[in-house]
C-alpha atoms as a PDB file:
ATOM      1  CA  GLN A   1       0.000   0.000   0.000  1.00  0.00           C
ATOM      2  CA  ARG A   2       2.858   2.404   0.747  1.00  0.00           C
ATOM      3  CA  ILE A   3       4.472   1.707  -2.631  1.00  0.00           C
ATOM      4  CA  LEU A   4       1.212   2.463  -4.437  1.00  0.00           C
ATOM      5  CA  SER A   5       0.798   5.639  -2.407  1.00  0.00           C
ATOM      6  CA  LEU A   6       4.306   6.785  -3.273  1.00  0.00           C
ATOM      7  CA  ALA A   7       3.787   6.035  -6.967  1.00  0.00           C
ATOM      8  CA  GLY A   8       0.559   8.006  -6.900  1.00  0.00           C
ATOM      9  CA  HIS A   9       2.248  11.008  -5.296  1.00  0.00           C
ATOM     10  CA  ILE A  10       4.957  10.984  -7.942  1.00  0.00           C
ATOM     11  CA  ALA A  11       2.415  10.824 -10.772  1.00  0.00           C
ATOM     12  CA  LEU A  12       0.155  13.596  -9.474  1.00  0.00           C
ATOM     13  CA  ASP A  13       0.387  17.303 -10.170  1.00  0.00           C
ATOM     14  CA  GLU A  14       0.685  19.752  -7.276  1.00  0.00           C
ATOM     15  CA  SER A  15      -3.015  20.638  -7.508  1.00  0.00           C
ATOM     16  CA  GLU A  16      -4.030  17.000  -7.066  1.00  0.00           C
ATOM     17  CA  LYS A  17      -1.816  16.262  -4.059  1.00  0.00           C
ATOM     18  CA  VAL A  18      -4.374  17.439  -1.510  1.00  0.00           C
ATOM     19  CA  SER A  19      -6.911  14.879  -2.679  1.00  0.00           C
ATOM     20  CA  ALA A  20      -4.157  12.245  -2.856  1.00  0.00           C
ATOM     21  CA  VAL A  21      -3.431  12.721   0.837  1.00  0.00           C
ATOM     22  CA  SER A  22      -7.085  12.136   1.674  1.00  0.00           C
ATOM     23  CA  MET A  23      -7.020   8.964  -0.429  1.00  0.00           C
ATOM     24  CA  THR A  24      -3.968   7.532   1.293  1.00  0.00           C
ATOM     25  CA  GLN A  25      -5.420   8.262   4.734  1.00  0.00           C
ATOM     26  CA  ASN A  26      -8.784   6.645   3.988  1.00  0.00           C
ATOM     27  CA  ARG A  27      -9.343   4.094   6.772  1.00  0.00           C
ATOM     28  CA  ASP A  28     -11.957   2.116   4.841  1.00  0.00           C
ATOM     29  CA  LEU A  29      -9.603   1.722   1.892  1.00  0.00           C
ATOM     30  CA  ALA A  30      -6.744   0.683   4.181  1.00  0.00           C
ATOM     31  CA  ARG A  31      -8.952  -1.860   5.965  1.00  0.00           C
ATOM     32  CA  CYS A  32     -10.185  -3.290   2.668  1.00  0.00           C
ATOM     33  CA  ALA A  33      -6.600  -3.619   1.375  1.00  0.00           C
ATOM     34  CA  ARG A  34      -5.491  -5.319   4.606  1.00  0.00           C
ATOM     35  CA  PHE A  35      -8.285  -7.873   4.316  1.00  0.00           C
ATOM     36  CA  ALA A  36      -7.381  -8.507   0.680  1.00  0.00           C
ATOM     37  CA  ARG A  37      -3.759  -9.091   1.704  1.00  0.00           C
ATOM     38  CA  LEU A  38      -4.848 -11.393   4.540  1.00  0.00           C
ATOM     39  CA  ASN A  39      -7.070 -13.378   2.166  1.00  0.00           C
ATOM     40  CA  LEU A  40      -4.225 -13.608  -0.340  1.00  0.00           C
ATOM     41  CA  ASN A  41      -1.765 -14.847   2.276  1.00  0.00           C
ATOM     42  CA  GLN A  42      -4.206 -17.450   3.600  1.00  0.00           C
ATOM     43  CA  CYS A  43      -5.039 -18.644   0.112  1.00  0.00           C
ATOM     44  CA  LEU A  44      -1.359 -18.930  -0.857  1.00  0.00           C
ATOM     45  CA  ALA A  45      -0.617 -20.831   2.356  1.00  0.00           C
ATOM     46  CA  ALA A  46      -3.238 -23.414   1.420  1.00  0.00           C
ATOM     47  CA  ALA A  47      -2.203 -23.636  -2.253  1.00  0.00           C
ATOM     48  CA  HIS A  48      -0.325 -26.709  -3.416  1.00  0.00           C
ATOM     49  CA  PHE A  49      -0.049 -26.209  -7.165  1.00  0.00           C
ATOM     50  CA  PRO A  50       0.898 -23.286  -9.428  1.00  0.00           C
ATOM     51  CA  SER A  51      -2.660 -23.128 -10.755  1.00  0.00           C
ATOM     52  CA  GLU A  52      -3.943 -22.600  -7.211  1.00  0.00           C
ATOM     53  CA  GLU A  53      -1.376 -19.853  -6.640  1.00  0.00           C
ATOM     54  CA  ALA A  54      -2.514 -18.155  -9.850  1.00  0.00           C
ATOM     55  CA  TYR A  55      -6.124 -18.395  -8.701  1.00  0.00           C
ATOM     56  CA  CYS A  56      -5.241 -16.827  -5.340  1.00  0.00           C
ATOM     57  CA  THR A  57      -3.328 -14.013  -7.010  1.00  0.00           C
ATOM     58  CA  GLY A  58      -6.159 -13.248  -9.409  1.00  0.00           C
ATOM     59  CA  LYS A  59      -8.962 -13.496  -6.878  1.00  0.00           C
ATOM     60  CA  HIS A  60      -7.410 -11.767  -3.889  1.00  0.00           C
ATOM     61  CA  GLY A  61      -4.388  -9.887  -5.216  1.00  0.00           C
ATOM     62  CA  VAL A  62      -6.161  -8.372  -8.223  1.00  0.00           C
ATOM     63  CA  ASN A  63      -9.955  -8.607  -7.911  1.00  0.00           C
ATOM     64  CA  GLU A  64     -10.242  -7.694  -4.232  1.00  0.00           C
ATOM     65  CA  ILE A  65      -7.829  -4.781  -4.565  1.00  0.00           C
ATOM     66  CA  ALA A  66      -9.716  -3.585  -7.653  1.00  0.00           C
ATOM     67  CA  TYR A  67     -12.933  -3.756  -5.632  1.00  0.00           C
ATOM     68  CA  CYS A  68     -11.347  -1.716  -2.833  1.00  0.00           C
ATOM     69  CA  TRP A  69     -10.162   0.952  -5.247  1.00  0.00           C
ATOM     70  CA  ALA A  70     -13.462   1.098  -7.124  1.00  0.00           C
ATOM     71  CA  THR A  71     -15.435   1.346  -3.899  1.00  0.00           C
ATOM     72  CA  TYR A  72     -13.363   3.706  -1.754  1.00  0.00           C
ATOM     73  CA  LEU A  73     -11.218   5.873  -4.039  1.00  0.00           C
ATOM     74  CA  PRO A  74     -14.055   7.789  -5.731  1.00  0.00           C
ATOM     75  CA  GLU A  75     -15.409   8.637  -2.272  1.00  0.00           C
ATOM     76  CA  ALA A  76     -11.986   9.807  -1.056  1.00  0.00           C
ATOM     77  CA  ALA A  77     -11.396  11.943  -4.147  1.00  0.00           C
ATOM     78  CA  LYS A  78     -14.431  14.156  -3.458  1.00  0.00           C
END
């Protein structure tokens, strides 16, 4: 999450940095990302084959994070 925040700060103009700070301090977004990471770690711990690892990465590492961003970032950008 910190890496994504840093990358976002680098990519933003000065005028957009105020809204970026509110996005990175959004507790709901942080909680959602933590749960996605927890789900990913639990899924990977139970995986035995590369196909299961790919499933875990897609489901929790990509889809859940995308859900978090789609749900909480528009609200934080207001």
